[in-house]
Every structure is written in structure tokens, then in C-alpha cells.
Protein backbone atom coordinates (compact mmCIF):
# COMPACT_ATOMS: atom_id res chain seq x y z
CA MET A 1 2.28 69.40 -10.61
CA PRO A 2 5.61 70.59 -12.85
CA PRO A 3 8.50 68.14 -11.79
CA THR A 4 10.67 68.97 -9.24
CA THR A 5 13.71 67.14 -10.10
CA GLY A 6 16.47 65.89 -13.12
CA SER A 7 15.70 68.52 -15.07
CA THR A 8 17.80 68.59 -18.41
CA PRO A 9 19.12 70.79 -20.74
CA ALA A 10 17.43 71.12 -24.42
CA THR A 11 21.29 70.95 -25.96
CA SER A 12 21.56 67.37 -24.10
CA THR A 13 21.65 64.89 -26.87
CA PRO A 14 18.84 61.89 -27.71
CA THR A 15 20.61 58.61 -26.97
CA HIS A 16 19.17 55.42 -28.82
CA ARG A 17 18.77 51.92 -27.40
CA LEU A 18 17.60 48.81 -27.58
CA VAL A 19 15.36 47.51 -24.72
CA PRO A 20 14.18 44.12 -23.88
CA SER A 21 9.85 43.58 -24.86
CA PRO A 22 7.80 40.41 -25.59
CA ALA A 23 8.27 41.47 -28.74
CA GLY A 24 11.89 40.32 -29.03
CA ARG A 25 13.55 44.24 -28.93
CA ILE A 26 12.02 47.73 -28.62
CA HIS A 27 14.24 51.08 -30.20
CA LEU A 28 13.58 53.84 -28.45
CA VAL A 29 15.18 57.30 -28.19
CA GLU A 30 15.10 59.17 -25.04
CA GLN A 31 16.25 62.66 -23.73
CA GLY A 32 16.43 63.75 -20.22
CA SER A 33 15.20 63.20 -17.28
CA GLY A 34 12.50 63.61 -14.51
CA PRO A 35 9.05 62.05 -14.91
CA LEU A 36 8.50 59.62 -18.14
CA VAL A 37 7.03 60.37 -20.88
CA LEU A 38 6.16 57.49 -23.79
CA LEU A 39 5.48 58.92 -27.57
CA LEU A 40 4.32 56.04 -30.13
CA HIS A 41 3.79 56.98 -33.81
CA GLY A 42 1.34 56.54 -35.73
CA PHE A 43 1.45 54.56 -39.41
CA PRO A 44 3.98 55.14 -41.76
CA GLU A 45 6.10 56.43 -39.33
CA SER A 46 8.79 55.95 -36.67
CA TRP A 47 10.05 57.54 -33.45
CA TYR A 48 11.38 60.17 -35.83
CA ALA A 49 7.71 61.55 -35.68
CA TRP A 50 8.26 63.11 -32.26
CA ARG A 51 11.82 64.92 -32.99
CA HIS A 52 10.59 68.47 -32.12
CA GLN A 53 8.89 67.28 -29.10
CA LEU A 54 12.37 65.12 -27.42
CA ALA A 55 14.38 68.43 -26.54
CA ALA A 56 10.99 70.18 -25.40
CA LEU A 57 10.09 67.79 -23.38
CA ALA A 58 13.90 67.45 -21.91
CA SER A 59 13.97 70.96 -21.22
CA ALA A 60 11.28 71.29 -19.32
CA GLY A 61 12.31 68.26 -17.11
CA TYR A 62 10.95 65.14 -18.28
CA ARG A 63 12.26 62.00 -19.10
CA ALA A 64 10.81 61.76 -22.98
CA VAL A 65 11.03 58.65 -24.56
CA ALA A 66 9.83 57.61 -28.60
CA ILE A 67 9.83 54.31 -29.44
CA ASP A 68 9.71 51.99 -32.79
CA VAL A 69 6.24 50.66 -32.59
CA ARG A 70 6.71 46.86 -32.77
CA GLY A 71 7.39 46.15 -36.98
CA TYR A 72 8.80 49.52 -37.23
CA GLY A 73 12.32 50.99 -38.12
CA ARG A 74 14.63 49.01 -35.32
CA SER A 75 11.94 47.48 -33.56
CA SER A 76 11.65 43.40 -33.43
CA LYS A 77 9.36 42.81 -36.22
CA PRO A 78 7.88 39.22 -35.29
CA GLU A 79 6.84 36.90 -38.48
CA ALA A 80 3.01 36.00 -37.61
CA VAL A 81 0.22 38.64 -38.90
CA GLU A 82 -1.08 37.62 -35.19
CA ALA A 83 2.08 39.20 -33.07
CA TYR A 84 0.94 42.39 -34.27
CA ARG A 85 -2.74 42.78 -32.05
CA MET A 86 -3.04 45.44 -29.72
CA LEU A 87 -2.82 43.76 -26.37
CA ASP A 88 0.55 43.07 -27.56
CA LEU A 89 2.01 46.28 -28.38
CA VAL A 90 0.94 47.43 -25.21
CA ALA A 91 2.63 45.01 -23.33
CA ASP A 92 5.77 46.27 -25.31
CA ASN A 93 5.11 49.42 -23.62
CA VAL A 94 5.11 47.98 -20.51
CA ALA A 95 7.71 45.99 -21.02
CA VAL A 96 9.58 49.77 -22.15
CA VAL A 97 8.67 51.27 -18.78
CA GLU A 98 10.44 48.55 -16.73
CA ALA A 99 13.60 47.76 -18.71
CA LEU A 100 13.39 52.15 -18.23
CA GLY A 101 13.21 51.26 -14.33
CA GLU A 102 10.22 53.20 -13.90
CA ARG A 103 7.18 52.19 -12.77
CA SER A 104 4.23 54.70 -14.06
CA ALA A 105 4.76 56.80 -17.71
CA VAL A 106 2.47 59.03 -19.09
CA VAL A 107 1.85 58.05 -22.39
CA VAL A 108 0.90 59.97 -25.24
CA GLY A 109 0.18 59.13 -29.23
CA HIS A 110 -0.36 60.25 -32.97
CA ASP A 111 -2.53 58.36 -35.40
CA TRP A 112 -2.48 54.12 -34.44
CA GLY A 113 -0.26 55.66 -32.16
CA ALA A 114 -3.02 57.49 -29.90
CA THR A 115 -5.34 54.60 -30.23
CA ILE A 116 -2.68 52.31 -28.65
CA ALA A 117 -1.99 55.10 -25.81
CA ALA A 118 -5.61 54.56 -25.37
CA THR A 119 -5.61 51.00 -24.71
CA SER A 120 -2.51 50.85 -22.86
CA THR A 121 -4.06 53.09 -20.38
CA LEU A 122 -7.29 51.63 -21.01
CA THR A 123 -6.23 48.01 -20.00
CA ARG A 124 -3.12 48.94 -17.70
CA PRO A 125 -4.02 52.02 -15.84
CA ASP A 126 -1.67 50.72 -13.20
CA VAL A 127 0.82 51.88 -15.24
CA PHE A 128 0.19 54.72 -17.47
CA ARG A 129 -1.42 57.28 -14.95
CA ALA A 130 -2.47 59.95 -17.62
CA VAL A 131 -2.70 59.69 -21.65
CA GLY A 132 -2.52 62.42 -24.52
CA LEU A 133 -4.11 61.87 -28.05
CA LEU A 134 -2.98 63.38 -31.08
CA GLY A 135 -5.27 63.11 -34.05
CA VAL A 136 -7.58 60.35 -33.55
CA PRO A 137 -10.08 61.12 -30.79
CA TYR A 138 -10.81 57.99 -27.99
CA THR A 139 -13.79 55.52 -29.18
CA PRO A 140 -14.40 52.55 -26.44
CA PRO A 141 -14.00 48.71 -27.34
CA GLY A 142 -16.70 46.88 -28.88
CA GLY A 143 -19.26 47.54 -31.90
CA PRO A 144 -19.80 46.26 -34.83
CA ARG A 145 -17.09 43.38 -35.89
CA PRO A 146 -14.31 46.23 -37.89
CA SER A 147 -14.28 43.69 -40.61
CA GLU A 148 -17.84 44.02 -41.54
CA VAL A 149 -17.80 47.32 -41.24
CA PHE A 150 -15.45 48.08 -43.90
CA ALA A 151 -16.62 46.00 -46.25
CA ARG A 152 -19.75 47.88 -46.59
CA MET A 153 -17.71 50.94 -47.16
CA GLY A 154 -17.63 52.94 -50.31
CA GLY A 155 -16.97 56.46 -50.89
CA ALA A 156 -17.41 58.73 -53.47
CA GLY A 157 -15.15 60.53 -55.68
CA ALA A 158 -15.36 62.95 -58.43
CA ASP A 159 -17.33 60.26 -60.21
CA ASP A 160 -19.34 58.80 -57.99
CA GLU A 161 -22.74 59.02 -56.77
CA PRO A 162 -23.30 58.96 -52.97
CA GLY A 163 -25.86 56.47 -51.54
CA VAL A 164 -22.74 53.79 -50.88
CA GLU A 165 -22.03 53.09 -46.53
CA ARG A 166 -19.45 55.26 -45.29
CA PRO A 167 -18.02 54.77 -41.94
CA ASP A 168 -20.46 56.12 -39.53
CA ALA A 169 -18.93 58.25 -37.04
CA GLU A 170 -21.04 56.43 -34.40
CA GLN A 171 -19.57 53.31 -34.92
CA PRO A 172 -16.89 52.83 -31.61
CA GLY A 173 -14.23 50.99 -32.22
CA ALA A 174 -14.23 50.81 -36.28
CA GLY A 175 -10.48 52.07 -36.65
CA ARG A 176 -8.97 55.42 -38.06
CA PRO A 177 -11.31 56.78 -40.02
CA GLY A 178 -10.73 59.23 -43.22
CA ILE A 179 -13.06 61.57 -44.83
CA HIS A 180 -16.48 62.55 -45.58
CA PRO A 181 -16.07 62.27 -49.42
CA PRO A 182 -18.17 64.88 -51.75
CA ALA A 183 -21.16 63.35 -53.65
CA HIS A 184 -21.36 63.02 -57.15
CA SER A 185 -23.35 61.49 -60.08
CA HIS A 186 -22.26 58.51 -62.26
CA PRO A 187 -21.76 55.34 -59.97
CA ARG A 188 -18.60 53.28 -59.30
CA PRO A 189 -17.65 50.45 -56.46
CA GLN A 190 -14.85 52.35 -53.87
CA GLU A 191 -13.21 50.48 -51.42
CA PHE A 192 -11.90 52.39 -48.15
CA TYR A 193 -7.49 51.94 -47.39
CA ILE A 194 -8.08 49.89 -44.63
CA SER A 195 -9.64 47.04 -46.80
CA CYS A 196 -6.79 47.75 -48.60
CA PHE A 197 -4.47 47.06 -46.38
CA GLN A 198 -5.67 44.70 -44.73
CA GLN A 199 -5.46 41.61 -47.51
CA PRO A 200 -1.43 40.58 -47.00
CA GLY A 201 0.56 41.19 -49.99
CA ARG A 202 -1.73 44.02 -51.72
CA ALA A 203 -0.23 46.96 -49.95
CA GLU A 204 3.46 46.00 -50.25
CA ALA A 205 2.59 45.45 -54.73
CA GLU A 206 1.76 49.33 -53.82
CA MET A 207 4.03 51.27 -51.87
CA GLU A 208 7.40 48.68 -52.33
CA PRO A 209 8.51 49.28 -55.75
CA ASP A 210 8.86 53.63 -54.70
CA VAL A 211 9.13 53.37 -50.72
CA ARG A 212 9.39 57.06 -50.97
CA GLY A 213 7.21 58.25 -53.11
CA TRP A 214 4.67 56.41 -52.26
CA LEU A 215 5.41 57.77 -48.94
CA ALA A 216 5.80 61.59 -50.03
CA GLY A 217 2.42 61.07 -51.86
CA PHE A 218 0.82 59.33 -48.53
CA TYR A 219 2.16 62.49 -46.22
CA ALA A 220 0.89 64.91 -48.47
CA ALA A 221 -2.25 63.96 -48.97
CA LEU A 222 -3.11 63.91 -45.29
CA SER A 223 -1.43 67.57 -44.15
CA ALA A 224 -3.26 70.85 -44.51
CA ASP A 225 -1.36 72.47 -46.75
CA THR A 226 -0.94 69.82 -49.45
CA MET A 227 -4.09 67.31 -49.48
CA PRO A 228 -6.38 67.43 -52.28
CA ALA A 229 -9.22 70.39 -53.34
CA PRO A 230 -12.51 69.93 -51.91
CA GLY A 231 -14.01 68.05 -54.81
CA ALA A 232 -11.02 66.35 -56.03
CA PRO A 233 -10.98 61.85 -55.17
CA ASP A 234 -11.01 61.43 -51.88
CA PRO A 235 -7.69 59.61 -51.69
CA HIS A 236 -8.77 57.42 -48.46
CA PHE A 237 -10.20 55.32 -50.59
CA THR A 238 -9.33 53.15 -54.06
CA GLY A 239 -11.47 53.16 -57.59
CA ALA A 240 -12.44 50.78 -59.33
CA GLY A 241 -8.88 48.62 -59.76
CA GLY A 242 -6.76 51.66 -58.74
CA THR A 243 -5.04 52.60 -56.09
CA LEU A 244 -4.76 55.17 -53.88
CA ARG A 245 -1.60 56.46 -54.60
CA GLU A 246 -2.49 57.51 -57.95
CA ARG A 247 -4.94 60.17 -55.37
CA PHE A 248 -1.87 61.53 -53.88
CA PRO A 249 -0.61 64.80 -54.33
CA VAL A 250 2.32 64.52 -57.22
CA GLY A 251 5.73 66.38 -57.23
CA VAL A 252 4.82 68.81 -53.38
CA LEU A 253 6.06 68.35 -50.10
CA PRO A 254 3.85 69.18 -47.15
CA SER A 255 6.18 72.53 -45.50
CA TRP A 256 6.53 70.41 -42.78
CA LEU A 257 8.31 67.61 -44.72
CA GLY A 258 11.92 68.53 -45.95
CA GLU A 259 14.04 65.48 -48.01
CA ARG A 260 16.22 65.29 -45.62
CA ASP A 261 12.82 64.00 -43.19
CA LEU A 262 11.38 62.23 -45.94
CA ASP A 263 14.81 60.14 -46.43
CA VAL A 264 14.61 59.08 -42.89
CA TYR A 265 11.61 57.65 -42.84
CA ALA A 266 11.80 56.32 -46.34
CA GLY A 267 15.20 54.52 -45.11
CA GLU A 268 13.45 52.62 -42.70
CA PHE A 269 11.05 51.34 -44.51
CA GLU A 270 13.07 50.68 -47.78
CA ARG A 271 15.59 49.13 -45.21
CA THR A 272 12.56 46.84 -42.99
CA GLY A 273 9.02 46.34 -45.99
CA MET A 274 5.75 47.68 -45.63
CA THR A 275 4.87 44.36 -43.87
CA GLY A 276 5.45 44.98 -40.03
CA ALA A 277 3.45 48.03 -39.82
CA LEU A 278 0.46 46.89 -42.35
CA ASN A 279 -0.15 43.43 -39.49
CA ARG A 280 -1.60 46.44 -37.50
CA TYR A 281 -4.38 46.68 -40.07
CA ARG A 282 -5.02 43.22 -40.54
CA ASN A 283 -5.49 42.91 -36.13
CA MET A 284 -8.57 44.52 -36.04
CA ASP A 285 -10.66 41.64 -35.76
CA ARG A 286 -8.57 40.00 -33.31
CA ASP A 287 -8.70 43.11 -30.55
CA TRP A 288 -12.29 43.95 -31.16
CA ALA A 289 -12.79 40.21 -29.97
CA ASP A 290 -9.59 40.57 -27.35
CA LEU A 291 -10.95 44.03 -25.78
CA ALA A 292 -14.52 42.58 -24.73
CA ASP A 293 -14.32 42.64 -21.51
CA TRP A 294 -13.25 47.06 -21.71
CA ALA A 295 -16.49 46.92 -24.17
CA GLY A 296 -17.85 50.79 -24.16
CA ARG A 297 -15.69 51.20 -20.63
CA PRO A 298 -14.23 55.34 -20.37
CA ILE A 299 -10.68 56.02 -19.88
CA THR A 300 -11.05 57.76 -16.28
CA ARG A 301 -7.70 58.29 -16.13
CA PRO A 302 -6.37 62.21 -16.86
CA SER A 303 -6.45 62.92 -20.69
CA LEU A 304 -6.11 65.54 -23.64
CA PHE A 305 -7.10 65.55 -27.20
CA ILE A 306 -5.37 67.83 -29.48
CA GLY A 307 -7.17 67.54 -33.56
CA GLY A 308 -5.67 68.97 -36.26
CA GLU A 309 -8.98 71.31 -37.97
CA ARG A 310 -8.92 69.43 -41.11
CA ASP A 311 -7.83 66.49 -40.08
CA ALA A 312 -10.02 64.01 -41.83
CA SER A 313 -10.55 61.52 -38.47
CA LEU A 314 -12.08 65.02 -36.67
CA ALA A 315 -14.60 64.77 -39.98
CA TRP A 316 -15.13 61.44 -39.17
CA LEU A 317 -14.91 61.14 -35.49
CA ALA A 318 -17.30 63.78 -35.07
CA ASP A 319 -19.51 61.98 -31.94
CA ALA A 320 -16.46 60.60 -30.08
CA VAL A 321 -15.30 64.28 -29.47
CA LYS A 322 -18.67 65.01 -28.52
CA ALA A 323 -18.53 62.06 -26.32
CA PHE A 324 -15.80 62.99 -24.56
CA PRO A 325 -17.71 63.89 -21.19
CA GLU A 326 -18.46 60.51 -21.37
CA THR A 327 -15.84 57.96 -22.48
CA LEU A 328 -13.51 61.19 -21.06
CA PRO A 329 -14.25 62.43 -17.58
CA GLY A 330 -10.82 62.84 -17.12
CA LEU A 331 -10.58 65.63 -20.06
CA LEU A 332 -8.24 68.50 -19.46
CA GLY A 333 -7.95 70.15 -22.69
CA SER A 334 -9.60 69.25 -26.35
CA HIS A 335 -7.42 71.76 -28.83
CA ILE A 336 -8.64 71.18 -32.14
CA LEU A 337 -6.02 73.43 -34.02
CA ASP A 338 -7.31 75.71 -37.43
CA GLY A 339 -6.23 75.12 -40.53
CA CYS A 340 -3.82 71.87 -39.07
CA GLY A 341 -4.24 68.57 -41.08
CA HIS A 342 -2.78 64.92 -39.92
CA PHE A 343 0.57 65.32 -38.94
CA VAL A 344 -0.60 67.71 -35.76
CA GLN A 345 2.83 67.26 -33.92
CA GLN A 346 5.03 67.89 -37.26
CA GLU A 347 2.85 70.42 -38.39
CA ARG A 348 2.20 72.35 -35.56
CA PRO A 349 5.75 71.52 -33.08
CA GLU A 350 5.84 74.71 -31.22
CA GLU A 351 1.95 75.14 -30.89
CA THR A 352 1.52 71.57 -29.36
CA ASN A 353 4.47 71.31 -27.73
CA ARG A 354 3.02 74.32 -25.49
CA ILE A 355 -0.54 72.66 -25.38
CA LEU A 356 1.18 69.22 -24.40
CA LEU A 357 3.33 71.01 -21.84
CA ASP A 358 0.78 73.29 -19.93
CA TRP A 359 -1.16 69.86 -19.44
CA LEU A 360 2.03 67.63 -17.75
CA ALA A 361 2.31 70.21 -15.77
CA SER A 362 -1.25 69.90 -14.31
CA LEU A 363 -1.14 66.39 -13.51
CA PRO A 364 -1.14 65.34 -10.26
CA ALA A 365 2.64 64.61 -9.21
């Protein structure tokens, strides 16, 4: 049902707050009043990824709250790598709901935020009454240990041949995938980006000397209007002795990302460094163990999925989408946006807002 209380005009000003959490503090940006909608960003972003949704949700009568996930932006950044395990992030989300004086929330996430949102709803359905997933479909916990899966992965770039193992769309719990690379001749070993990110210090050494340039290339590589052409080396893999960045587009920004937007993202990571964000990848084996009691379980709360037709995640997790009748029995809508890349709510803000608002209006009070 549509909200009936506390509607706030679209011109209301977003408010920045710090609230207590198990991490120490969580920074959030809040706009509007009414039923709470908690918005979770992905890698490598911040609350700012939801800038187009805050006013739209507020004007429709919702209390929209976008957070900086633990390790990002103005939120706390615990030093220990193991402080970034999934259940700790769920605890942060619960703490935010409580700090805002609410008993429940709808949670919506993109990229890693989608996985965090799904796990929050799976493990704490008493707090999270519905879940929206953008970019990354739900796969129940379980399956092979993630580090073992990633260690076997290879890919095929422009100089490589088929035959090396690639991420399997049927492998549950393996994390966010990339795309199926094209097949070519001339073998050369490759390494999946998650394996690179899981090694403390390695990805930082590539990213931090030029955070702004690295982010610009990463965003361009995954956006529909700037991603590499079919047959080009896959930017989700490194070649032998190479870097991810050498496969990113150069000198071009996607249409959704202005110079000022890039300044916002880069400014945060130049101030904080990349380690807090990368530590999420370094806890995937811990998550696998922590979530063993939920292995194979569906999310029964009302749900929504929005994906980009050109997003790598859909190519690799096509079977996860097909399994939605079993894994998301409360699914109220699944939308694939034609010609859209990975950054769904930023590449297609108006379409995303319309879908979100229609879904929110259909939820039980």
C-alpha cells in the first residue's frame, strides 16, 4: 500500500547524520519521512550512488536513508580485516534502523549492497520486511568455498584460448561475477579480479597512486556506453603480470558520471584509502562459514530485482535469475533494463525510480 503519513516535498534537504553501530558509527544521508527505505551502495562507491533516489523516494512519502557501508566514506573503518564479514554489516544495518527509532525497514542494495541487503533480509526478517536487489541476483549461501572457486578461475582475453575454468553460473555463494569472456587462441594465464582484491595490499598498490584515474576507468569499464567492445580483453581479469587498469577504457567517462560526480567518489577514497572497501572481498570464506546455517535457504519476504541487460553479473548468474521462483518466492517483479550496464540506478535513474516506487506501493503496510 502507498504510504499515508509523513509525505515530504521533493525540495526537502538531505540531512547528514552519524549514528552508533557495532562498527563505531555509520554515516547516513536522510531525506523525507514515512516508511523507512534503507539504501546500500556497492564497490567502489558511497551513499552518493543513491543521489537520484533520495528526493524521488522522499517526494513519494518515504523516509529514504542512504548509508556509507562500514569501511567507506565517513563511516567507521575498523582495522581488523575480519571486521568486514557479512554478519557484521547486517548488524550495522539493524543498528541504523534502531538508531532512527524504527522497528522495520525495506532494504534496497546495489552490487555488494545487493548481497548485503539479501543477507540482511535472510538472517533478520524480523527487521527487514522487503528487499530490492539491483545488479546482483540472489544466490542462497552454500556451495564450494569461495577462495577455492576463484583460485580455479581463468578467462580468455584477446590473446587467450578457451579451456581454462571460468565462474560457473550454477555455483552458489561465489560472490559477484564478471562476464563470460570470448574464446581465442594463444594461451595465457589470467586471474579473476576478486582473487586480486583478496590479497591485502595488492589492489591498493594498483589503485591508490591515482585513485581518480582508476575509478574513472573502472566505472567506464562496467557502464553500457563505455565498456570495452566484444572481443577486447576482459577488464574483470588481469593478464599475466598485468593489472586490471590496463584493460580499462582511457580518457572517457560514462554518460551518467560527470566530472563533479567523479570528484565526490574520488575525494572520499583519496581521504580514506581503499582498504576498508576491499576488505569486503577478503571475508568471503568467513561469510561462507558464518552463513552455513542458512545454506540453500530462500528469502521469503517480498522482493524485487532490477538488472542491466549489459551487466556482467547477469551473464554469469543467469541461472540464479531462472531460480528466482525457488530462491525468491516473494518476488513481485524482475526487470532487465535494455542497453543498461552495471550501475543501474545511476545509468537509468528515472526508470529505476519508477520501478522502485511501483514496487514499494505494492508492499503490504
